[in-house]
N, C-alpha and C. Protein backbone atom coordinates (compact mmCIF):
# COMPACT_ATOMS: atom_id res chain seq x y z
N UNK A 1 133.25 144.43 111.03
CA UNK A 1 131.98 143.96 111.53
C UNK A 1 132.03 144.00 113.05
N UNK A 2 131.03 144.65 113.65
CA UNK A 2 130.96 144.71 115.10
C UNK A 2 129.51 144.72 115.55
N UNK A 3 129.32 144.51 116.84
CA UNK A 3 127.98 144.51 117.42
C UNK A 3 128.07 145.05 118.84
N UNK A 4 126.94 145.47 119.36
CA UNK A 4 126.84 145.88 120.76
C UNK A 4 125.88 144.91 121.43
N UNK A 5 126.39 144.21 122.46
CA UNK A 5 125.58 143.23 123.17
C UNK A 5 125.36 143.70 124.60
N UNK A 6 124.28 143.21 125.20
CA UNK A 6 123.96 143.56 126.58
C UNK A 6 123.99 142.29 127.41
N UNK A 7 124.78 142.31 128.48
CA UNK A 7 124.84 141.18 129.41
C UNK A 7 125.27 141.69 130.77
N UNK A 8 124.66 141.16 131.80
CA UNK A 8 125.01 141.55 133.16
C UNK A 8 124.70 143.00 133.48
N UNK A 9 123.71 143.59 132.79
CA UNK A 9 123.35 144.97 133.04
C UNK A 9 124.28 145.98 132.39
N UNK A 10 125.21 145.52 131.57
CA UNK A 10 126.17 146.40 130.90
C UNK A 10 126.13 146.15 129.39
N UNK A 11 126.65 147.11 128.64
CA UNK A 11 126.70 146.97 127.19
C UNK A 11 128.16 146.92 126.75
N UNK A 12 128.46 146.04 125.78
CA UNK A 12 129.83 145.85 125.30
C UNK A 12 129.85 145.91 123.77
N UNK A 13 130.81 146.65 123.22
CA UNK A 13 131.04 146.63 121.78
C UNK A 13 132.01 145.50 121.51
N UNK A 14 131.61 144.55 120.65
CA UNK A 14 132.42 143.36 120.40
C UNK A 14 132.71 143.20 118.92
N UNK A 15 133.88 142.66 118.62
CA UNK A 15 134.27 142.26 117.28
C UNK A 15 134.77 140.83 117.34
N UNK A 16 134.87 140.18 116.21
CA UNK A 16 135.34 138.80 116.17
C UNK A 16 136.79 138.74 116.66
N UNK A 17 137.05 137.84 117.59
CA UNK A 17 138.39 137.67 118.14
C UNK A 17 138.63 138.42 119.44
N UNK A 18 137.71 139.28 119.85
CA UNK A 18 137.87 140.03 121.10
C UNK A 18 137.74 139.10 122.30
N UNK A 19 138.51 139.41 123.34
CA UNK A 19 138.38 138.73 124.62
C UNK A 19 137.92 139.78 125.62
N UNK A 20 136.76 139.55 126.25
CA UNK A 20 136.26 140.54 127.18
C UNK A 20 135.85 139.89 128.48
N UNK A 21 135.95 140.69 129.56
CA UNK A 21 135.55 140.23 130.88
C UNK A 21 134.16 140.76 131.18
N UNK A 22 133.25 139.85 131.46
CA UNK A 22 131.88 140.23 131.77
C UNK A 22 131.54 139.74 133.16
N UNK A 23 130.37 140.12 133.64
CA UNK A 23 129.89 139.62 134.92
C UNK A 23 129.79 138.10 134.84
N UNK A 24 130.00 137.44 135.96
CA UNK A 24 130.06 135.98 135.98
C UNK A 24 128.78 135.34 135.45
N UNK A 25 128.97 134.39 134.53
CA UNK A 25 127.87 133.56 134.04
C UNK A 25 128.25 132.11 134.27
N UNK A 26 127.29 131.23 134.47
CA UNK A 26 127.62 129.83 134.72
C UNK A 26 128.16 129.14 133.47
N UNK A 27 129.08 128.21 133.67
CA UNK A 27 129.64 127.43 132.57
C UNK A 27 131.09 127.11 132.82
N UNK A 28 131.58 126.06 132.18
CA UNK A 28 132.97 125.64 132.30
C UNK A 28 133.81 126.28 131.20
N UNK A 29 135.13 126.23 131.38
CA UNK A 29 136.04 126.75 130.37
C UNK A 29 135.87 125.93 129.09
N UNK A 30 135.72 126.62 127.96
CA UNK A 30 135.52 125.97 126.68
C UNK A 30 134.06 125.84 126.28
N UNK A 31 133.15 126.16 127.19
CA UNK A 31 131.72 126.04 126.89
C UNK A 31 131.28 127.13 125.92
N UNK A 32 130.33 126.79 125.07
CA UNK A 32 129.79 127.72 124.08
C UNK A 32 128.83 128.71 124.74
N UNK A 33 128.92 129.98 124.34
CA UNK A 33 128.05 131.03 124.88
C UNK A 33 127.42 131.78 123.71
N UNK A 34 126.12 132.04 123.79
CA UNK A 34 125.43 132.81 122.75
C UNK A 34 124.75 134.01 123.39
N UNK A 35 125.00 135.18 122.84
CA UNK A 35 124.35 136.41 123.30
C UNK A 35 123.20 136.71 122.34
N UNK A 36 121.98 136.61 122.84
CA UNK A 36 120.81 136.86 122.02
C UNK A 36 120.37 138.31 122.06
N UNK A 37 120.75 139.02 123.11
CA UNK A 37 120.34 140.41 123.28
C UNK A 37 121.35 141.34 122.60
N UNK A 38 121.22 141.48 121.28
CA UNK A 38 122.09 142.32 120.48
C UNK A 38 121.37 143.64 120.23
N UNK A 39 122.00 144.76 120.59
CA UNK A 39 121.36 146.06 120.48
C UNK A 39 121.69 146.77 119.18
N UNK A 40 122.87 146.48 118.60
CA UNK A 40 123.32 147.16 117.39
C UNK A 40 124.19 146.21 116.60
N UNK A 41 124.11 146.27 115.27
CA UNK A 41 124.92 145.41 114.41
C UNK A 41 125.37 146.20 113.19
N UNK A 42 126.66 146.12 112.87
CA UNK A 42 127.20 146.79 111.70
C UNK A 42 128.06 145.81 110.94
N UNK A 43 127.82 145.70 109.62
CA UNK A 43 128.64 144.82 108.79
C UNK A 43 129.63 145.59 107.93
N UNK A 44 129.82 146.86 108.21
CA UNK A 44 130.78 147.67 107.46
C UNK A 44 130.14 148.67 106.54
N UNK A 45 128.99 148.31 105.99
CA UNK A 45 128.32 149.23 105.08
C UNK A 45 126.93 149.64 105.56
N UNK A 46 126.28 148.80 106.34
CA UNK A 46 124.98 149.17 106.89
C UNK A 46 124.99 149.03 108.41
N UNK A 47 124.13 149.79 109.04
CA UNK A 47 124.04 149.81 110.49
C UNK A 47 122.61 149.49 110.88
N UNK A 48 122.42 148.43 111.68
CA UNK A 48 121.10 148.04 112.16
C UNK A 48 121.02 148.34 113.64
N UNK A 49 120.02 149.13 114.01
CA UNK A 49 119.82 149.49 115.42
C UNK A 49 118.51 148.88 115.87
N UNK A 50 118.55 148.15 116.98
CA UNK A 50 117.35 147.49 117.48
C UNK A 50 116.49 148.41 118.32
N UNK A 51 115.23 148.07 118.41
CA UNK A 51 114.30 148.83 119.25
C UNK A 51 113.55 147.86 120.15
N UNK A 52 114.01 147.38 121.25
CA UNK A 52 115.32 147.61 121.84
C UNK A 52 116.38 146.62 121.37
N UNK A 53 116.00 145.50 120.76
CA UNK A 53 117.01 144.51 120.35
C UNK A 53 116.76 144.00 118.95
N UNK A 54 117.78 143.34 118.41
CA UNK A 54 117.68 142.72 117.10
C UNK A 54 117.45 141.22 117.31
N UNK A 55 116.39 140.71 116.75
CA UNK A 55 116.07 139.30 116.95
C UNK A 55 116.78 138.38 115.99
N UNK A 56 117.27 138.90 114.86
CA UNK A 56 117.85 138.04 113.84
C UNK A 56 119.37 137.99 113.88
N UNK A 57 119.99 138.61 114.88
CA UNK A 57 121.46 138.63 114.98
C UNK A 57 121.86 137.92 116.28
N UNK A 58 122.88 137.07 116.19
CA UNK A 58 123.40 136.38 117.37
C UNK A 58 124.91 136.51 117.41
N UNK A 59 125.44 136.65 118.61
CA UNK A 59 126.88 136.71 118.82
C UNK A 59 127.27 135.45 119.57
N UNK A 60 128.23 134.69 119.01
CA UNK A 60 128.65 133.43 119.61
C UNK A 60 130.09 133.53 120.07
N UNK A 61 130.39 132.84 121.15
CA UNK A 61 131.75 132.82 121.69
C UNK A 61 131.93 131.62 122.59
N UNK A 62 133.10 131.57 123.24
CA UNK A 62 133.34 130.50 124.20
C UNK A 62 134.04 131.07 125.42
N UNK A 63 133.89 130.36 126.55
CA UNK A 63 134.46 130.81 127.82
C UNK A 63 135.94 130.48 127.85
N UNK A 64 136.76 131.50 128.15
CA UNK A 64 138.20 131.34 128.22
C UNK A 64 138.65 131.15 129.66
N UNK A 65 138.00 131.86 130.60
CA UNK A 65 138.45 131.84 131.99
C UNK A 65 137.31 132.19 132.91
N UNK A 66 137.28 131.56 134.07
CA UNK A 66 136.40 131.92 135.18
C UNK A 66 137.32 132.34 136.32
N UNK A 67 137.15 133.52 136.86
CA UNK A 67 138.06 133.95 137.91
C UNK A 67 137.51 135.08 138.74
N UNK A 68 138.42 135.66 139.53
CA UNK A 68 138.07 136.81 140.37
C UNK A 68 139.02 137.95 140.05
N UNK A 69 138.50 139.16 140.08
CA UNK A 69 139.31 140.35 139.82
C UNK A 69 140.21 140.64 141.02
N UNK A 70 141.07 141.64 140.88
CA UNK A 70 141.94 142.03 141.99
C UNK A 70 141.11 142.54 143.15
N UNK A 71 141.67 142.42 144.34
CA UNK A 71 140.97 142.83 145.54
C UNK A 71 140.90 144.35 145.64
N UNK A 72 139.72 144.83 146.01
CA UNK A 72 139.58 146.25 146.34
C UNK A 72 139.29 146.34 147.83
N UNK A 73 139.68 147.44 148.44
CA UNK A 73 139.44 147.64 149.86
C UNK A 73 138.26 148.57 150.05
N UNK A 74 137.36 148.16 150.95
CA UNK A 74 136.23 148.99 151.33
C UNK A 74 136.52 149.44 152.77
N UNK A 75 136.76 150.73 152.95
CA UNK A 75 137.15 151.26 154.25
C UNK A 75 136.16 152.32 154.68
N UNK A 76 135.48 152.06 155.78
CA UNK A 76 134.52 153.03 156.34
C UNK A 76 135.16 153.67 157.56
N UNK A 77 134.98 154.98 157.71
CA UNK A 77 135.66 155.72 158.75
C UNK A 77 134.81 156.91 159.16
N UNK A 78 134.64 157.08 160.48
CA UNK A 78 133.97 158.28 160.99
C UNK A 78 134.93 158.96 161.96
N UNK A 79 135.26 160.18 161.65
CA UNK A 79 136.24 160.90 162.46
C UNK A 79 135.70 161.17 163.86
N UNK A 80 136.60 161.16 164.82
CA UNK A 80 136.35 161.47 166.22
C UNK A 80 135.40 160.49 166.91
N UNK A 81 135.03 159.40 166.29
CA UNK A 81 134.09 158.44 166.89
C UNK A 81 134.70 157.06 167.09
N UNK A 82 135.97 156.90 166.75
CA UNK A 82 136.67 155.60 166.86
C UNK A 82 135.96 154.51 166.06
N UNK A 83 135.43 154.87 164.90
CA UNK A 83 134.74 153.90 164.05
C UNK A 83 135.56 153.65 162.80
N UNK A 84 135.99 152.42 162.64
CA UNK A 84 136.72 152.02 161.44
C UNK A 84 136.29 150.61 161.06
N UNK A 85 136.00 150.40 159.78
CA UNK A 85 135.69 149.07 159.26
C UNK A 85 136.46 148.86 157.97
N UNK A 86 137.21 147.79 157.91
CA UNK A 86 138.00 147.48 156.72
C UNK A 86 137.52 146.14 156.18
N UNK A 87 137.21 146.14 154.89
CA UNK A 87 136.69 144.93 154.27
C UNK A 87 137.23 144.85 152.85
N UNK A 88 137.51 143.65 152.38
CA UNK A 88 137.99 143.45 151.02
C UNK A 88 136.90 142.81 150.17
N UNK A 89 137.03 142.99 148.85
CA UNK A 89 136.05 142.40 147.93
C UNK A 89 136.74 142.02 146.63
N UNK A 90 136.43 140.83 146.11
CA UNK A 90 136.92 140.38 144.80
C UNK A 90 135.72 140.02 143.96
N UNK A 91 135.53 140.75 142.87
CA UNK A 91 134.37 140.55 142.00
C UNK A 91 134.62 139.37 141.05
N UNK A 92 133.73 138.39 141.02
CA UNK A 92 133.90 137.28 140.07
C UNK A 92 133.61 137.74 138.64
N UNK A 93 134.32 137.15 137.67
CA UNK A 93 134.13 137.50 136.27
C UNK A 93 134.24 136.26 135.40
N UNK A 94 133.82 136.40 134.15
CA UNK A 94 133.97 135.38 133.14
C UNK A 94 134.62 136.03 131.93
N UNK A 95 135.74 135.49 131.44
CA UNK A 95 136.39 135.99 130.24
C UNK A 95 135.87 135.19 129.05
N UNK A 96 135.44 135.93 128.02
CA UNK A 96 134.83 135.30 126.84
C UNK A 96 135.55 135.74 125.59
N UNK A 97 135.82 134.80 124.68
CA UNK A 97 136.39 135.09 123.37
C UNK A 97 135.26 135.02 122.35
N UNK A 98 135.11 136.08 121.54
CA UNK A 98 134.04 136.16 120.56
C UNK A 98 134.46 135.40 119.30
N UNK A 99 133.67 134.42 118.89
CA UNK A 99 133.98 133.59 117.73
C UNK A 99 133.32 134.11 116.45
N UNK A 100 132.05 134.45 116.54
CA UNK A 100 131.34 134.88 115.32
C UNK A 100 130.23 135.86 115.65
N UNK A 101 129.98 136.74 114.69
CA UNK A 101 128.87 137.69 114.77
C UNK A 101 128.11 137.54 113.46
N UNK A 102 126.83 137.27 113.53
CA UNK A 102 126.13 137.09 112.27
C UNK A 102 124.64 136.93 112.43
N UNK A 103 124.00 136.81 111.29
CA UNK A 103 122.55 136.66 111.24
C UNK A 103 122.14 135.22 111.28
């Protein structure tokens, strides 16, 4: 059994027990999260595809971690002009464990 959910402008294929990192959402560790925007649902024998979403399917989970990803460097450079800019960025994320997928 799996589903495809949309959150943070991205789509994720999820199964029960999966831990995934999504764009940061508000909430404390252990808080319940429900994804209402389910685009696809499969129970093993039938496949339901939403147009654009399925209203009768919900994916539930809980927050495992709130954190920041590893630092990436943003380096701008123009040759022969003595222009250099170095900047770092750490993208915030929320790790979620999927508890149930169902109608």
